[in-house]
Structures are given as C-alpha cells and as structure tokens.
C-alpha cells in the first residue's frame, strides 16, 4: 500500500519501491480492496523481497516496523513509521492502515518539497 500511495500522493516527488523480509509474492486481497476504494488497482502488484529492489544509495528509506529484522539499506535519511501489519484482520483494519500510511506519505512529500525548494 505504501508504494501505491506514494504514486498516488506525489508521483513527481516520490519514486517508491516496496519490499519486505518475508514476501509471499501476492498482495492481500483486502489491501487490494482498500486501495481500490481510492481508485488504485493494487491487483497488479506483488510483494517483493529486498533483493528485488535496485541497489545503491537512496534519499529516504522508510520502514513500516521491521523490529529485529531491519536490514541496512544505504540512504541519506532513515525513518521507521512502526505501522501495524493488518494481515489477518478485517477490511476496517486495512482501511485504518491505508489511511495512516497515506497521512505519513503526505507528510514525507511535504518535507521533500521543502527540501527541494531550499535547494
């Protein structure tokens, strides 16, 4: 959902890539439904491993709450949003998670805008 929300909120600023430590290869149908409510078709996405995202240094690395399994990814800025995984929960939990991620992505986009405006 985070990658999709970055594309919806600020595609001109945020080039997002999403990956996890234990991907299943599929996106939860309830995540697809929650994002569909915003007009985004998440059914074309799949969960990816960290090894599948481009290597190199990133401007920002945002984690969702990786606990003890947070690998190091080179970046100028690291932030953990500690967002609960709604897996196994009802659609309402996916909506809450979606809305929380959306707020955080909007905040990040604003910080990026300010950073580039100062450059």
C-alpha atoms as a PDB file:
ATOM      1  CA  UNK A   1       0.000   0.000   0.000  1.00  0.00           C
ATOM      2  CA  UNK A   2       2.849   2.402   0.752  1.00  0.00           C
ATOM      3  CA  UNK A   3       4.331   2.174  -2.735  1.00  0.00           C
ATOM      4  CA  UNK A   4       0.910   2.711  -4.292  1.00  0.00           C
ATOM      5  CA  UNK A   5       0.131   5.635  -2.012  1.00  0.00           C
ATOM      6  CA  UNK A   6       3.429   7.308  -2.887  1.00  0.00           C
ATOM      7  CA  UNK A   7       2.447   7.004  -6.540  1.00  0.00           C
ATOM      8  CA  UNK A   8      -0.985   8.492  -5.838  1.00  0.00           C
ATOM      9  CA  UNK A   9       0.079  11.295  -3.496  1.00  0.00           C
ATOM     10  CA  UNK A  10       3.270  12.615  -5.073  1.00  0.00           C
ATOM     11  CA  UNK A  11       4.418  10.754  -8.180  1.00  0.00           C
ATOM     12  CA  UNK A  12       6.518  13.760  -9.216  1.00  0.00           C
ATOM     13  CA  UNK A  13       8.482  13.625  -5.935  1.00  0.00           C
ATOM     14  CA  UNK A  14       8.441  10.085  -4.617  1.00  0.00           C
ATOM     15  CA  UNK A  15       9.829   7.238  -6.685  1.00  0.00           C
ATOM     16  CA  UNK A  16       8.860   4.449  -4.322  1.00  0.00           C
ATOM     17  CA  UNK A  17       9.903   0.814  -4.230  1.00  0.00           C
ATOM     18  CA  UNK A  18       8.374  -1.506  -1.686  1.00  0.00           C
ATOM     19  CA  UNK A  19       9.870  -4.755  -0.409  1.00  0.00           C
ATOM     20  CA  UNK A  20       9.851  -6.971   2.643  1.00  0.00           C
ATOM     21  CA  UNK A  21      11.905  -9.518   4.512  1.00  0.00           C
ATOM     22  CA  UNK A  22       9.411 -12.366   4.010  1.00  0.00           C
ATOM     23  CA  UNK A  23       7.350 -11.689   0.876  1.00  0.00           C
ATOM     24  CA  UNK A  24       4.604 -14.092  -0.109  1.00  0.00           C
ATOM     25  CA  UNK A  25       4.597 -12.972  -3.729  1.00  0.00           C
ATOM     26  CA  UNK A  26       0.996 -11.826  -3.518  1.00  0.00           C
ATOM     27  CA  UNK A  27      -0.843  -8.827  -2.138  1.00  0.00           C
ATOM     28  CA  UNK A  28      -3.564  -9.455   0.422  1.00  0.00           C
ATOM     29  CA  UNK A  29      -6.991  -9.199  -1.267  1.00  0.00           C
ATOM     30  CA  UNK A  30      -8.152  -6.857   1.498  1.00  0.00           C
ATOM     31  CA  UNK A  31      -5.274  -4.485   0.710  1.00  0.00           C
ATOM     32  CA  UNK A  32      -6.370  -4.617  -2.935  1.00  0.00           C
ATOM     33  CA  UNK A  33      -9.921  -3.788  -1.863  1.00  0.00           C
ATOM     34  CA  UNK A  34      -8.845  -0.946   0.451  1.00  0.00           C
ATOM     35  CA  UNK A  35      -6.715   0.649  -2.257  1.00  0.00           C
ATOM     36  CA  UNK A  36      -9.476   0.092  -4.825  1.00  0.00           C
ATOM     37  CA  UNK A  37     -11.647   2.383  -2.713  1.00  0.00           C
ATOM     38  CA  UNK A  38      -9.161   5.150  -3.599  1.00  0.00           C
ATOM     39  CA  UNK A  39      -9.248   4.231  -7.279  1.00  0.00           C
ATOM     40  CA  UNK A  40      -5.895   2.417  -7.298  1.00  0.00           C
ATOM     41  CA  UNK A  41      -5.681  -1.106  -8.738  1.00  0.00           C
ATOM     42  CA  UNK A  42      -3.259  -2.895  -6.434  1.00  0.00           C
ATOM     43  CA  UNK A  43      -4.055  -6.276  -8.013  1.00  0.00           C
ATOM     44  CA  UNK A  44      -1.200  -5.766 -10.485  1.00  0.00           C
ATOM     45  CA  UNK A  45       1.321  -5.519  -7.653  1.00  0.00           C
ATOM     46  CA  UNK A  46       3.061  -8.376  -5.886  1.00  0.00           C
ATOM     47  CA  UNK A  47       5.066  -8.493  -2.694  1.00  0.00           C
ATOM     48  CA  UNK A  48       8.805  -8.415  -3.361  1.00  0.00           C
ATOM     49  CA  UNK A  49      11.948  -9.324  -1.468  1.00  0.00           C
ATOM     50  CA  UNK A  50      14.514  -6.685  -0.569  1.00  0.00           C
ATOM     51  CA  UNK A  51      16.870  -8.352  -3.047  1.00  0.00           C
ATOM     52  CA  UNK A  52      14.479  -7.347  -5.866  1.00  0.00           C
ATOM     53  CA  UNK A  53      14.706  -3.591  -5.399  1.00  0.00           C
ATOM     54  CA  UNK A  54      17.501  -1.634  -7.076  1.00  0.00           C
ATOM     55  CA  UNK A  55      20.741  -1.482  -5.128  1.00  0.00           C
ATOM     56  CA  UNK A  56      22.508   1.750  -4.357  1.00  0.00           C
ATOM     57  CA  UNK A  57      22.008   4.663  -2.029  1.00  0.00           C
ATOM     58  CA  UNK A  58      18.528   6.082  -1.560  1.00  0.00           C
ATOM     59  CA  UNK A  59      17.481   9.542  -0.439  1.00  0.00           C
ATOM     60  CA  UNK A  60      14.926   8.126   2.012  1.00  0.00           C
ATOM     61  CA  UNK A  61      14.324   4.660   3.406  1.00  0.00           C
ATOM     62  CA  UNK A  62      11.068   4.294   5.266  1.00  0.00           C
ATOM     63  CA  UNK A  63      10.348   1.107   7.161  1.00  0.00           C
ATOM     64  CA  UNK A  64       6.928   0.162   8.477  1.00  0.00           C
ATOM     65  CA  UNK A  65       8.056  -1.505  11.689  1.00  0.00           C
ATOM     66  CA  UNK A  66      10.664  -4.108  10.985  1.00  0.00           C
ATOM     67  CA  UNK A  67      11.606  -4.892  14.588  1.00  0.00           C
ATOM     68  CA  UNK A  68      14.619  -7.204  14.820  1.00  0.00           C
ATOM     69  CA  UNK A  69      14.797  -7.924  11.077  1.00  0.00           C
ATOM     70  CA  UNK A  70      15.539  -4.460   9.751  1.00  0.00           C
ATOM     71  CA  UNK A  71      18.301  -4.753   7.154  1.00  0.00           C
ATOM     72  CA  UNK A  72      20.582  -1.830   6.445  1.00  0.00           C
ATOM     73  CA  UNK A  73      19.828  -0.028   3.204  1.00  0.00           C
ATOM     74  CA  UNK A  74      22.102   2.922   2.428  1.00  0.00           C
ATOM     75  CA  UNK A  75      20.209   6.212   2.485  1.00  0.00           C
ATOM     76  CA  UNK A  76      20.587   9.845   3.458  1.00  0.00           C
ATOM     77  CA  UNK A  77      17.562   9.533   5.737  1.00  0.00           C
ATOM     78  CA  UNK A  78      16.083   6.536   7.614  1.00  0.00           C
ATOM     79  CA  UNK A  79      12.752   6.556   9.390  1.00  0.00           C
ATOM     80  CA  UNK A  80      10.632   3.799  10.900  1.00  0.00           C
ATOM     81  CA  UNK A  81       6.914   4.525  10.908  1.00  0.00           C
ATOM     82  CA  UNK A  82       6.086   1.494  13.099  1.00  0.00           C
ATOM     83  CA  UNK A  83       2.806   0.823  11.308  1.00  0.00           C
ATOM     84  CA  UNK A  84       0.996  -2.365  12.332  1.00  0.00           C
ATOM     85  CA  UNK A  85       0.522  -5.054   9.698  1.00  0.00           C
ATOM     86  CA  UNK A  86      -3.227  -5.636   9.225  1.00  0.00           C
ATOM     87  CA  UNK A  87      -2.663  -9.186   7.944  1.00  0.00           C
ATOM     88  CA  UNK A  88      -5.417 -11.461   9.243  1.00  0.00           C
ATOM     89  CA  UNK A  89      -7.585  -8.521  10.290  1.00  0.00           C
ATOM     90  CA  UNK A  90     -10.882  -7.356   8.760  1.00  0.00           C
ATOM     91  CA  UNK A  91     -11.170  -4.777   5.985  1.00  0.00           C
ATOM     92  CA  UNK A  92     -11.590  -1.978   8.547  1.00  0.00           C
ATOM     93  CA  UNK A  93      -8.033  -2.583   9.774  1.00  0.00           C
ATOM     94  CA  UNK A  94      -6.709  -2.369   6.209  1.00  0.00           C
ATOM     95  CA  UNK A  95      -8.545   0.927   5.779  1.00  0.00           C
ATOM     96  CA  UNK A  96      -7.035   2.266   9.011  1.00  0.00           C
ATOM     97  CA  UNK A  97      -3.557   1.183   7.919  1.00  0.00           C
ATOM     98  CA  UNK A  98      -4.084   2.665   4.447  1.00  0.00           C
ATOM     99  CA  UNK A  99      -5.210   5.978   5.923  1.00  0.00           C
ATOM    100  CA  UNK A 100      -2.280   6.079   8.360  1.00  0.00           C
ATOM    101  CA  UNK A 101       0.222   5.362   5.580  1.00  0.00           C
ATOM    102  CA  UNK A 102      -1.448   7.986   3.379  1.00  0.00           C
ATOM    103  CA  UNK A 103      -1.052  10.654   6.090  1.00  0.00           C
ATOM    104  CA  UNK A 104       2.610   9.724   6.593  1.00  0.00           C
ATOM    105  CA  UNK A 105       3.304   9.729   2.835  1.00  0.00           C
ATOM    106  CA  UNK A 106       1.735  13.196   2.547  1.00  0.00           C
ATOM    107  CA  UNK A 107       3.935  14.418   5.416  1.00  0.00           C
ATOM    108  CA  UNK A 108       7.012  12.933   3.734  1.00  0.00           C
ATOM    109  CA  UNK A 109       6.093  14.510   0.404  1.00  0.00           C
ATOM    110  CA  UNK A 110       5.783  17.895   2.101  1.00  0.00           C
ATOM    111  CA  UNK A 111       9.236  17.513   3.681  1.00  0.00           C
ATOM    112  CA  UNK A 112      10.688  16.584   0.290  1.00  0.00           C
ATOM    113  CA  UNK A 113       9.024  19.611  -1.334  1.00  0.00           C
ATOM    114  CA  UNK A 114      10.517  21.893   1.327  1.00  0.00           C
ATOM    115  CA  UNK A 115      13.940  20.299   0.909  1.00  0.00           C
ATOM    116  CA  UNK A 116      13.931  20.805  -2.861  1.00  0.00           C
ATOM    117  CA  UNK A 117      12.535  24.331  -2.551  1.00  0.00           C
ATOM    118  CA  UNK A 118      15.557  25.243  -0.409  1.00  0.00           C
ATOM    119  CA  UNK A 119      17.988  23.699  -2.922  1.00  0.00           C
END
